[in-house]
């Protein structure tokens, strides 16, 4: 489960995670691209300022799943 729990929006489950290692807009784009390529999501957004990743999906996204796909990139779920 995301750091702040789950909540539904338009039928999709919102999962929020804190991410360490993002420093700029390119980092945000990289994190979002990796998530989109490896996890079935409806929408994903990241903020290096808030150190936050928000995922909307049809199913719950688990922290372990995000950790696994981000591990090779150097970004960490905190």
C-alpha atoms as a PDB file:
ATOM      1  CA  UNK A   1       0.000   0.000   0.000  1.00  0.00           C
ATOM      2  CA  UNK A   2       1.179   3.519  -0.687  1.00  0.00           C
ATOM      3  CA  UNK A   3       2.648   5.606   2.084  1.00  0.00           C
ATOM      4  CA  UNK A   4      -0.522   7.638   2.544  1.00  0.00           C
ATOM      5  CA  UNK A   5      -2.868   4.740   1.920  1.00  0.00           C
ATOM      6  CA  UNK A   6      -5.363   4.224  -0.827  1.00  0.00           C
ATOM      7  CA  UNK A   7      -8.195   6.256  -2.115  1.00  0.00           C
ATOM      8  CA  UNK A   8     -10.417   5.907  -5.160  1.00  0.00           C
ATOM      9  CA  UNK A   9     -10.820   8.543  -7.833  1.00  0.00           C
ATOM     10  CA  UNK A  10     -13.004   7.924 -10.857  1.00  0.00           C
ATOM     11  CA  UNK A  11     -12.908   4.200 -10.133  1.00  0.00           C
ATOM     12  CA  UNK A  12      -9.106   4.057  -9.919  1.00  0.00           C
ATOM     13  CA  UNK A  13      -7.055   3.428  -6.809  1.00  0.00           C
ATOM     14  CA  UNK A  14      -4.604   6.181  -5.883  1.00  0.00           C
ATOM     15  CA  UNK A  15      -1.335   5.064  -4.326  1.00  0.00           C
ATOM     16  CA  UNK A  16       1.162   7.626  -3.029  1.00  0.00           C
ATOM     17  CA  UNK A  17       4.824   6.930  -2.307  1.00  0.00           C
ATOM     18  CA  UNK A  18       7.739   9.023  -1.047  1.00  0.00           C
ATOM     19  CA  UNK A  19      10.733   8.750  -3.397  1.00  0.00           C
ATOM     20  CA  UNK A  20      14.348   9.670  -2.671  1.00  0.00           C
ATOM     21  CA  UNK A  21      16.839  10.619  -5.380  1.00  0.00           C
ATOM     22  CA  UNK A  22      14.808  12.877  -7.678  1.00  0.00           C
ATOM     23  CA  UNK A  23      16.452  16.277  -8.207  1.00  0.00           C
ATOM     24  CA  UNK A  24      14.809  17.819 -11.281  1.00  0.00           C
ATOM     25  CA  UNK A  25      12.061  17.531 -13.882  1.00  0.00           C
ATOM     26  CA  UNK A  26      14.089  15.006 -15.883  1.00  0.00           C
ATOM     27  CA  UNK A  27      14.259  12.778 -12.800  1.00  0.00           C
ATOM     28  CA  UNK A  28      10.465  13.024 -12.488  1.00  0.00           C
ATOM     29  CA  UNK A  29      10.061  12.032 -16.150  1.00  0.00           C
ATOM     30  CA  UNK A  30      12.472   9.110 -15.747  1.00  0.00           C
ATOM     31  CA  UNK A  31      10.623   7.766 -12.690  1.00  0.00           C
ATOM     32  CA  UNK A  32       7.254   8.083 -14.469  1.00  0.00           C
ATOM     33  CA  UNK A  33       8.576   6.358 -17.616  1.00  0.00           C
ATOM     34  CA  UNK A  34       9.981   3.437 -15.614  1.00  0.00           C
ATOM     35  CA  UNK A  35       6.692   3.013 -13.740  1.00  0.00           C
ATOM     36  CA  UNK A  36       4.614   3.160 -16.963  1.00  0.00           C
ATOM     37  CA  UNK A  37       6.824   0.561 -18.681  1.00  0.00           C
ATOM     38  CA  UNK A  38       6.751  -1.923 -15.807  1.00  0.00           C
ATOM     39  CA  UNK A  39       3.428  -1.497 -13.984  1.00  0.00           C
ATOM     40  CA  UNK A  40      -0.073  -1.315 -15.431  1.00  0.00           C
ATOM     41  CA  UNK A  41      -1.207   2.201 -14.512  1.00  0.00           C
ATOM     42  CA  UNK A  42      -3.886   4.639 -15.635  1.00  0.00           C
ATOM     43  CA  UNK A  43      -1.933   7.744 -14.602  1.00  0.00           C
ATOM     44  CA  UNK A  44       1.365   8.458 -12.882  1.00  0.00           C
ATOM     45  CA  UNK A  45       2.971  11.693 -11.706  1.00  0.00           C
ATOM     46  CA  UNK A  46       6.095  12.541  -9.746  1.00  0.00           C
ATOM     47  CA  UNK A  47       7.371  15.634  -7.952  1.00  0.00           C
ATOM     48  CA  UNK A  48      11.027  16.108  -7.041  1.00  0.00           C
ATOM     49  CA  UNK A  49      10.038  19.033  -4.799  1.00  0.00           C
ATOM     50  CA  UNK A  50       7.591  16.954  -2.736  1.00  0.00           C
ATOM     51  CA  UNK A  51       9.672  13.754  -3.207  1.00  0.00           C
ATOM     52  CA  UNK A  52       6.403  12.118  -4.161  1.00  0.00           C
ATOM     53  CA  UNK A  53       5.110   9.577  -6.674  1.00  0.00           C
ATOM     54  CA  UNK A  54       1.364   9.263  -7.273  1.00  0.00           C
ATOM     55  CA  UNK A  55      -0.046   6.309  -9.199  1.00  0.00           C
ATOM     56  CA  UNK A  56      -3.644   5.740 -10.306  1.00  0.00           C
ATOM     57  CA  UNK A  57      -4.392   2.147 -11.269  1.00  0.00           C
ATOM     58  CA  UNK A  58      -7.222  -0.370 -11.381  1.00  0.00           C
ATOM     59  CA  UNK A  59      -5.543  -2.430  -8.645  1.00  0.00           C
ATOM     60  CA  UNK A  60      -3.578  -1.580  -5.528  1.00  0.00           C
ATOM     61  CA  UNK A  61       0.085  -0.886  -6.230  1.00  0.00           C
ATOM     62  CA  UNK A  62       2.295  -2.286  -3.510  1.00  0.00           C
ATOM     63  CA  UNK A  63       5.425  -0.584  -2.196  1.00  0.00           C
ATOM     64  CA  UNK A  64       7.492  -3.684  -2.984  1.00  0.00           C
ATOM     65  CA  UNK A  65       6.440  -3.535  -6.631  1.00  0.00           C
ATOM     66  CA  UNK A  66       7.541   0.105  -6.954  1.00  0.00           C
ATOM     67  CA  UNK A  67      10.811  -0.636  -5.118  1.00  0.00           C
ATOM     68  CA  UNK A  68      11.568  -3.499  -7.495  1.00  0.00           C
ATOM     69  CA  UNK A  69      11.111  -1.491 -10.708  1.00  0.00           C
ATOM     70  CA  UNK A  70      12.909   1.601  -9.402  1.00  0.00           C
ATOM     71  CA  UNK A  71      15.888  -0.262  -7.863  1.00  0.00           C
ATOM     72  CA  UNK A  72      17.970  -0.391 -11.093  1.00  0.00           C
ATOM     73  CA  UNK A  73      17.517   3.388 -11.558  1.00  0.00           C
ATOM     74  CA  UNK A  74      18.914   4.408  -8.163  1.00  0.00           C
ATOM     75  CA  UNK A  75      15.673   6.004  -6.935  1.00  0.00           C
ATOM     76  CA  UNK A  76      14.425   4.668  -3.597  1.00  0.00           C
ATOM     77  CA  UNK A  77      11.020   4.383  -1.974  1.00  0.00           C
ATOM     78  CA  UNK A  78      11.320   5.859   1.522  1.00  0.00           C
END
